[in-house]
Structure formats: C-alpha cells, structure tokens
Amino acid sequence: MKTLSRENLNLWLDGLAAQQSLIAPHLEAQGVFYRPVQRAQEIAWEADRPALSAKEFLFPPSERLLKVEKRGPDIRLEVSPSAAPQAIFGLRPCDARGIRVMDAAFLETPPIDSQYASRRENTLLLGLACRSMGASCFCTIMGLAPDDPRDMDVMFTDRGPTLAVQALTPRGEALLAGLPIVEEPGEVEPASRREVGGLPTAEAWKESFGDARWAKHGERCLSCRLCAYVCPTCRCYDVRDEALPSPPGEAHFERLRAWDSCTREGYRLTAGGHNPRAAAGSRLRNRLLCKFVYYPHQYGPAACTGCGRCLDACPVNLDLLEIGGALQEAAQ
C-alpha cells in the first residue's frame, strides 16, 4: 500500500493550485459544492458527497460556442479558445463515472464535441474515496462502490494522518512522480456498504413502456427539471443564437449552448405545434428509459451512477428506486 502524509499532500495541492485551476469540495452556506480553491486549507475534507456533481467543469450550464461578426460582405467566425488545464480533487467515484458516461457520447461517438473534448483533455481526475454510502446513494446497484478507483487518474483514500494513494493512468503516474510516497504493509480497508433494493433489467424497462404507472407518476411530477440539473450524466442541451450590441454597419451574434432536460414540457414540441410527449408521465418515462435502455444501447454505459441526487432534489419525492422496484416486481 502506497501512502502520502497529509502534510505533504496539502503542500502538493497548494503547488498544483498555483499552476492550474484546482477544483475540490468546498463548504458554502448552501452546502458542499465542487468549487475552484486556492489552497488545500479550503477543501471540505470531512464532507460527504457534494450536493452537485463536477459535470459543470466539463460541460458548463451555459457557454458560447462561437461568435459571428458581419461587416458588409465579410463574415468572421470566432470559436471559443481551448480550455485551460484543471484538476478536480476529491472527486467521488459516482461523479468520476458520470464523466466516463459523458465521454461515451461526447468523445467516443462521432461527431466529437470539440468544446467538451478540449476540457476533458486538460482535466485531471483526482479521486477521494467515500467512507461509506450516503442515505440516498445506490452506487452498488450500478456496479460501483464508495471507494471504486476506476475512472480516476489518481485515487486517494483518507486514513487520518496519511492517505493511501493509487495511480490509475499514465497521467496519474506522471503527476505523482517525485512525491515522498511511502510503501506500507497491508491493504486499504474497504469502505462500508449497505444493502439497497434492485432495479429492473433493460428488458423489463422496455416492457414497462405501456405501463399505467407512468401516468400516475406523471400526476406528481412538476416537470421542474431539478433531477436533470443535479444529475452527473444528463447531457441534453439547447442551442440558440442571440444578437449582440454592434457598431454601426456591423452585425454581431453569438451561438450559445445551455443545459436542457427531456422532462421540460416543450422539449419535444415541433414547429407545427405537435408535442409527442405532452404528458408529464411520458416525459418521466423517457428520462428513465434513456438512462437504462436508450443510452446504453447507443453509447455503452448506463446513464446513471447511483449518486442519489435526484432522490434528494425532487420536491415531490419521486423515487427512482421505488419506481424501478415496482416495475421489477411487475415483471417477475
């Protein structure tokens, strides 16, 4: 087992923050969030899973894709610059898997999203194992664990005065080179887990398409989209063009991309006014089938990491585990 003292880790993180943007769990008035920090002292070491994932640092809630400047017959396109280097420290396994899920759509399936690709190439994932599963977590159902090191460049496990450290990628190995890492006997103690109910198979999800329960769930759903905005894997977006203040004789515009959600009432509204998913229940059904059927079929991994944020955020307590559990029982 390789370990690093907390003092040396803090010094290393301070140096890393001086060289590039360092993002880590940070305590704010509303809770703990991944935020840029200037030194290790600002990190919320004792916090549980942050309230939001780190998705926004690779796929921002709103961003400019390009700017158009028209001067007479001449048109100039200005694309966004390449992303600056950044490191996300204290990343939880469920959030690292969320990034892996987005990689499948934005990087590994053409066409490659250049904005996402630039940020991903310049981002280091430095994980911190959870001590145990939170009250709403169900990562184990999704094949993960509170201390799962996969999807990280480097994984740290808090052991008090020292942290166990494991490099998972060549980038991680290069990053740790030169640190005063000590080899100690023994193995890292695994994080505690708890039993969580199951979810339907992909086939059972598909067979539930015409189930009357979706309409009942839709009666409660507010279509507020909170579940999508706190989700580490939801990647739907909308693109729009907006006019900018322009000098006389010129016309300037910008193309913006912003998060969207398939649970929004007008998400599938067509130009002719038809809405194939006018009912809230049909939109909720699409969201869950996308995660467990459509996305895996098209890109590979399931689009859920078991982080439980959707359970915490829903104002009417729509519970993915309860919905899935009922469908699983009906399929048996």
Protein backbone atom coordinates (compact mmCIF):
# COMPACT_ATOMS: atom_id res chain seq x y z
CA MET A 1 0.00 0.00 0.00
CA LYS A 2 1.41 3.38 -1.01
CA THR A 3 0.72 6.31 1.30
CA LEU A 4 1.31 10.04 1.42
CA SER A 5 1.26 12.15 4.58
CA ARG A 6 -1.49 14.73 4.85
CA GLU A 7 1.11 17.45 5.25
CA ASN A 8 2.86 16.50 2.03
CA LEU A 9 -0.47 16.13 0.22
CA ASN A 10 -1.51 19.64 1.28
CA LEU A 11 1.81 21.07 0.09
CA TRP A 12 1.41 19.27 -3.22
CA LEU A 13 -2.15 20.52 -3.66
CA ASP A 14 -1.06 24.09 -2.87
CA GLY A 15 1.57 23.81 -5.59
CA LEU A 16 -0.92 22.33 -8.02
CA ALA A 17 -3.35 25.21 -7.36
CA ALA A 18 -0.57 27.69 -8.15
CA GLN A 19 -0.01 26.07 -11.56
CA GLN A 20 -3.57 25.43 -12.73
CA SER A 21 -7.18 25.61 -11.64
CA LEU A 22 -7.78 23.27 -8.69
CA ILE A 23 -11.39 22.25 -8.11
CA ALA A 24 -12.38 20.49 -4.89
CA PRO A 25 -15.29 20.07 -2.44
CA HIS A 26 -15.81 23.41 -0.71
CA LEU A 27 -18.18 24.33 2.11
CA GLU A 28 -20.60 27.17 1.32
CA ALA A 29 -23.70 28.50 3.03
CA GLN A 30 -25.98 26.23 0.97
CA GLY A 31 -23.85 23.10 1.37
CA VAL A 32 -20.75 21.48 -0.11
CA PHE A 33 -20.03 22.02 -3.81
CA TYR A 34 -17.14 21.41 -6.17
CA ARG A 35 -15.53 24.84 -6.49
CA PRO A 36 -12.16 26.32 -7.52
CA VAL A 37 -9.90 26.63 -4.45
CA GLN A 38 -6.62 28.42 -3.97
CA ARG A 39 -5.12 26.14 -1.31
CA ALA A 40 -5.73 22.83 0.42
CA GLN A 41 -6.98 24.59 3.55
CA GLU A 42 -10.19 25.49 1.66
CA ILE A 43 -11.11 21.86 0.95
CA ALA A 44 -14.05 20.35 2.87
CA TRP A 45 -12.23 17.16 3.86
CA GLU A 46 -14.90 15.78 6.19
CA ALA A 47 -17.85 16.39 3.87
CA ASP A 48 -19.96 13.68 2.30
CA ARG A 49 -20.76 13.64 -1.41
CA PRO A 50 -21.09 17.24 -2.73
CA ALA A 51 -24.60 18.49 -3.45
CA LEU A 52 -23.86 18.79 -7.17
CA SER A 53 -21.56 16.78 -9.41
CA ALA A 54 -18.45 18.10 -11.13
CA LYS A 55 -20.16 17.92 -14.54
CA GLU A 56 -20.26 21.70 -14.94
CA PHE A 57 -16.46 21.92 -15.21
CA LEU A 58 -16.51 19.82 -18.37
CA PHE A 59 -19.98 20.61 -19.66
CA PRO A 60 -20.96 24.10 -18.36
CA PRO A 61 -24.61 25.01 -17.72
CA SER A 62 -24.25 27.73 -20.38
CA GLU A 63 -21.42 28.50 -22.78
CA ARG A 64 -20.63 30.34 -26.00
CA LEU A 65 -19.92 28.01 -28.91
CA LEU A 66 -18.94 30.71 -31.37
CA LYS A 67 -19.28 34.38 -32.23
CA VAL A 68 -20.24 35.74 -35.66
CA GLU A 69 -19.18 39.21 -36.84
CA LYS A 70 -20.60 40.55 -40.11
CA ARG A 71 -19.02 43.60 -41.70
CA GLY A 72 -20.58 44.29 -45.08
CA PRO A 73 -19.97 41.21 -47.25
CA ASP A 74 -17.34 39.83 -44.84
CA ILE A 75 -18.24 37.31 -42.17
CA ARG A 76 -15.85 36.32 -39.39
CA LEU A 77 -16.34 33.30 -37.10
CA GLU A 78 -14.66 33.27 -33.72
CA VAL A 79 -14.67 29.93 -31.88
CA SER A 80 -14.09 29.57 -28.16
CA PRO A 81 -10.43 29.16 -27.13
CA SER A 82 -9.01 25.86 -25.92
CA ALA A 83 -9.64 25.01 -22.29
CA ALA A 84 -7.03 25.77 -19.63
CA PRO A 85 -5.58 22.91 -17.52
CA GLN A 86 -7.57 21.98 -14.43
CA ALA A 87 -7.52 19.28 -11.77
CA ILE A 88 -10.59 18.05 -9.90
CA PHE A 89 -9.56 16.80 -6.47
CA GLY A 90 -11.82 14.96 -4.05
CA LEU A 91 -13.87 13.60 -6.92
CA ARG A 92 -16.26 10.89 -5.75
CA PRO A 93 -16.48 7.58 -7.66
CA CYS A 94 -20.06 8.26 -8.78
CA ASP A 95 -19.02 11.61 -10.25
CA ALA A 96 -15.99 10.14 -12.00
CA ARG A 97 -18.29 7.55 -13.56
CA GLY A 98 -20.58 10.39 -14.64
CA ILE A 99 -17.68 11.88 -16.59
CA ARG A 100 -16.95 8.47 -18.09
CA VAL A 101 -20.59 8.27 -19.22
CA MET A 102 -20.38 11.69 -20.89
CA ASP A 103 -17.12 10.65 -22.56
CA ALA A 104 -19.05 7.89 -24.32
CA ALA A 105 -21.37 10.40 -26.01
CA PHE A 106 -19.12 13.45 -26.46
CA LEU A 107 -15.75 11.80 -27.18
CA GLU A 108 -16.15 8.20 -28.25
CA THR A 109 -19.09 8.53 -30.63
CA PRO A 110 -18.80 10.77 -33.71
CA PRO A 111 -19.18 13.64 -34.11
CA ILE A 112 -16.78 14.55 -31.31
CA ASP A 113 -17.83 17.58 -29.27
CA SER A 114 -14.81 19.89 -29.58
CA GLN A 115 -15.73 22.02 -26.56
CA TYR A 116 -16.06 19.01 -24.28
CA ALA A 117 -13.00 17.32 -25.78
CA SER A 118 -10.79 20.34 -25.06
CA ARG A 119 -11.83 20.46 -21.40
CA ARG A 120 -11.61 16.70 -20.95
CA GLU A 121 -8.10 16.55 -22.40
CA ASN A 122 -6.98 19.24 -19.98
CA THR A 123 -8.65 17.81 -16.85
CA LEU A 124 -7.08 15.54 -14.24
CA LEU A 125 -9.41 13.40 -12.13
CA LEU A 126 -8.08 13.01 -8.59
CA GLY A 127 -10.50 10.90 -6.60
CA LEU A 128 -11.21 10.67 -2.89
CA ALA A 129 -12.93 7.50 -1.69
CA CYS A 130 -16.18 7.86 0.23
CA ARG A 131 -16.02 6.39 3.73
CA SER A 132 -19.47 4.87 3.33
CA MET A 133 -22.63 5.12 1.23
CA GLY A 134 -24.86 8.11 1.91
CA ALA A 135 -28.51 7.77 2.88
CA SER A 136 -29.74 8.18 -0.70
CA CYS A 137 -26.80 6.55 -2.51
CA PHE A 138 -27.29 3.38 -4.53
CA CYS A 139 -23.98 3.21 -6.42
CA THR A 140 -23.60 -0.52 -5.70
CA ILE A 141 -26.69 -1.29 -7.81
CA MET A 142 -24.94 0.36 -10.74
CA GLY A 143 -21.81 -1.75 -10.37
CA LEU A 144 -19.82 0.86 -8.46
CA ALA A 145 -18.65 1.21 -4.87
CA PRO A 146 -17.95 4.11 -2.47
CA ASP A 147 -14.23 3.53 -2.97
CA ASP A 148 -14.22 2.46 -6.63
CA PRO A 149 -10.95 3.71 -8.19
CA ARG A 150 -11.94 3.14 -11.80
CA ASP A 151 -12.43 6.22 -14.00
CA MET A 152 -9.82 8.18 -11.96
CA ASP A 153 -6.29 9.28 -12.82
CA VAL A 154 -5.33 9.04 -9.15
CA MET A 155 -7.31 7.68 -6.19
CA PHE A 156 -6.80 8.80 -2.59
CA THR A 157 -8.24 7.10 0.49
CA ASP A 158 -8.28 9.05 3.74
CA ARG A 159 -6.61 7.17 6.61
CA GLY A 160 -6.28 10.05 9.07
CA PRO A 161 -2.66 11.31 9.23
CA THR A 162 -1.90 9.62 5.89
CA LEU A 163 -3.79 8.89 2.70
CA ALA A 164 -3.44 5.78 0.60
CA VAL A 165 -2.66 6.73 -2.98
CA GLN A 166 -3.06 4.78 -6.20
CA ALA A 167 -2.18 5.93 -9.74
CA LEU A 168 -4.59 4.50 -12.31
CA THR A 169 -3.39 6.07 -15.57
CA PRO A 170 -0.08 7.17 -17.11
CA ARG A 171 -1.13 10.77 -16.45
CA GLY A 172 -1.67 9.88 -12.82
CA GLU A 173 1.72 8.20 -12.54
CA ALA A 174 3.43 11.23 -14.06
CA LEU A 175 1.59 13.54 -11.70
CA LEU A 176 2.77 11.63 -8.62
CA ALA A 177 6.38 11.33 -9.77
CA GLY A 178 8.75 12.86 -7.24
CA LEU A 179 6.29 12.89 -4.32
CA PRO A 180 7.52 11.42 -1.00
CA ILE A 181 5.27 8.37 -1.24
CA VAL A 182 5.89 5.64 1.36
CA GLU A 183 5.31 1.92 0.87
CA GLU A 184 3.49 0.46 3.88
CA PRO A 185 2.44 -3.13 4.62
CA GLY A 186 -1.23 -4.09 4.42
CA GLU A 187 -4.15 -3.19 2.22
CA VAL A 188 -6.56 -0.27 2.15
CA GLU A 189 -9.62 -1.01 4.29
CA PRO A 190 -12.70 -1.11 2.03
CA ALA A 191 -15.46 1.43 2.52
CA SER A 192 -18.61 0.29 4.29
CA ARG A 193 -21.62 -0.59 2.18
CA ARG A 194 -25.28 -1.31 2.79
CA GLU A 195 -27.96 -3.32 1.08
CA VAL A 196 -30.05 -1.45 -1.48
CA GLY A 197 -33.01 -2.72 -3.49
CA GLY A 198 -32.64 -3.63 -7.14
CA LEU A 199 -33.64 -2.06 -10.43
CA PRO A 200 -35.28 -3.67 -13.48
CA THR A 201 -33.27 -5.19 -16.28
CA ALA A 202 -33.08 -3.32 -19.57
CA GLU A 203 -35.68 -5.70 -20.98
CA ALA A 204 -38.05 -5.04 -18.07
CA TRP A 205 -37.64 -1.29 -18.52
CA LYS A 206 -38.56 -1.66 -22.20
CA GLU A 207 -41.59 -3.81 -21.40
CA SER A 208 -42.84 -1.12 -18.99
CA PHE A 209 -43.38 1.37 -21.83
CA GLY A 210 -47.16 0.96 -21.80
CA ASP A 211 -47.49 0.55 -18.02
CA ALA A 212 -50.26 2.65 -16.46
CA ARG A 213 -47.98 3.56 -13.56
CA TRP A 214 -46.21 6.14 -15.69
CA ALA A 215 -49.36 8.24 -15.89
CA LYS A 216 -49.77 8.02 -12.10
CA HIS A 217 -46.18 9.11 -11.54
CA GLY A 218 -46.74 11.93 -14.03
CA GLU A 219 -49.56 13.29 -11.87
CA ARG A 220 -46.94 14.05 -9.21
CA CYS A 221 -44.10 15.20 -11.46
CA LEU A 222 -43.79 19.00 -11.67
CA SER A 223 -41.52 18.92 -14.75
CA CYS A 224 -39.22 21.21 -12.77
CA ARG A 225 -36.09 19.54 -14.23
CA LEU A 226 -34.22 19.53 -10.93
CA CYS A 227 -33.46 15.83 -11.36
CA ALA A 228 -31.70 16.52 -14.66
CA TYR A 229 -29.73 19.51 -13.40
CA VAL A 230 -28.30 17.68 -10.38
CA CYS A 231 -27.59 14.52 -12.41
CA PRO A 232 -23.92 13.80 -13.24
CA THR A 233 -24.85 12.20 -16.59
CA CYS A 234 -27.75 14.19 -18.07
CA ARG A 235 -26.33 15.89 -21.13
CA CYS A 236 -29.30 17.27 -23.11
CA TYR A 237 -28.82 20.84 -24.27
CA ASP A 238 -30.41 23.59 -26.32
CA VAL A 239 -28.63 25.85 -28.81
CA ARG A 240 -29.75 29.37 -29.64
CA ASP A 241 -28.39 32.41 -31.48
CA GLU A 242 -28.57 35.86 -29.91
CA ALA A 243 -27.78 39.31 -31.27
CA LEU A 244 -25.03 41.32 -29.58
CA PRO A 245 -24.56 45.10 -29.45
CA SER A 246 -22.82 46.03 -32.70
CA PRO A 247 -21.05 49.07 -34.12
CA PRO A 248 -22.82 50.94 -36.96
CA GLY A 249 -22.71 48.99 -40.19
CA GLU A 250 -21.91 45.71 -38.46
CA ALA A 251 -23.92 42.82 -37.01
CA HIS A 252 -22.59 40.64 -34.20
CA PHE A 253 -24.17 37.42 -32.93
CA GLU A 254 -23.24 34.63 -30.57
CA ARG A 255 -24.28 30.99 -30.52
CA LEU A 256 -24.96 29.71 -27.02
CA ARG A 257 -25.44 26.25 -25.61
CA ALA A 258 -27.35 25.70 -22.37
CA TRP A 259 -28.47 22.68 -20.39
CA ASP A 260 -31.93 21.38 -21.17
CA SER A 261 -33.98 18.42 -19.98
CA CYS A 262 -36.29 15.89 -21.60
CA THR A 263 -38.72 16.43 -18.71
CA ARG A 264 -39.36 20.03 -19.81
CA GLU A 265 -42.89 20.42 -21.16
CA GLY A 266 -41.82 21.88 -24.51
CA TYR A 267 -38.71 19.78 -25.01
CA ARG A 268 -40.18 17.74 -27.89
CA LEU A 269 -42.51 20.45 -29.22
CA THR A 270 -42.35 20.57 -33.02
CA ALA A 271 -42.60 23.59 -35.31
CA GLY A 272 -46.15 22.63 -36.25
CA GLY A 273 -47.23 22.74 -32.60
CA HIS A 274 -47.44 18.97 -32.03
CA ASN A 275 -45.94 17.66 -28.81
CA PRO A 276 -45.41 13.86 -28.82
CA ARG A 277 -44.66 13.95 -25.09
CA ALA A 278 -47.27 16.38 -23.84
CA ALA A 279 -47.97 14.33 -20.69
CA ALA A 280 -45.57 14.56 -17.74
CA GLY A 281 -45.70 10.78 -17.32
CA SER A 282 -44.42 10.19 -20.84
CA ARG A 283 -41.54 12.59 -20.24
CA LEU A 284 -40.62 10.93 -16.95
CA ARG A 285 -40.74 7.55 -18.67
CA ASN A 286 -38.45 8.80 -21.42
CA ARG A 287 -35.94 10.12 -18.87
CA LEU A 288 -35.63 6.78 -17.09
CA LEU A 289 -35.69 4.64 -20.22
CA CYS A 290 -32.99 6.88 -21.66
CA LYS A 291 -30.78 6.13 -18.68
CA PHE A 292 -31.28 2.37 -18.62
CA VAL A 293 -32.21 1.45 -22.20
CA TYR A 294 -31.62 4.10 -24.87
CA TYR A 295 -28.25 5.47 -23.71
CA PRO A 296 -26.65 2.04 -23.08
CA HIS A 297 -27.90 0.87 -26.48
CA GLN A 298 -26.40 3.86 -28.27
CA TYR A 299 -23.27 4.61 -26.25
CA GLY A 300 -22.48 1.66 -23.95
CA PRO A 301 -22.68 2.56 -20.24
CA ALA A 302 -25.89 3.13 -18.30
CA ALA A 303 -26.55 6.83 -17.79
CA CYS A 304 -26.97 6.54 -14.02
CA THR A 305 -24.23 6.32 -11.39
CA GLY A 306 -26.39 5.73 -8.31
CA CYS A 307 -25.37 9.03 -6.70
CA GLY A 308 -28.91 9.58 -5.37
CA ARG A 309 -29.00 13.31 -6.02
CA CYS A 310 -32.28 13.05 -7.94
CA LEU A 311 -33.84 11.45 -4.85
CA ASP A 312 -32.61 14.29 -2.66
CA ALA A 313 -33.65 17.08 -5.04
CA CYS A 314 -37.15 16.03 -6.11
CA PRO A 315 -39.69 18.34 -4.40
CA VAL A 316 -42.46 15.71 -4.64
CA ASN A 317 -40.31 12.73 -3.62
CA LEU A 318 -40.45 10.81 -6.87
CA ASP A 319 -38.04 7.99 -6.10
CA LEU A 320 -36.20 6.20 -8.91
CA LEU A 321 -35.70 3.15 -6.70
CA GLU A 322 -39.40 2.93 -5.84
CA ILE A 323 -40.44 3.35 -9.47
CA GLY A 324 -37.92 0.78 -10.65
CA GLY A 325 -38.69 -1.59 -7.81
CA ALA A 326 -42.41 -1.62 -8.62
CA LEU A 327 -41.70 -2.28 -12.29
CA GLN A 328 -39.29 -5.05 -11.36
CA GLU A 329 -41.94 -6.75 -9.22
CA ALA A 330 -44.48 -6.48 -12.02
CA ALA A 331 -42.03 -8.10 -14.45
CA GLN A 332 -41.44 -11.12 -12.21
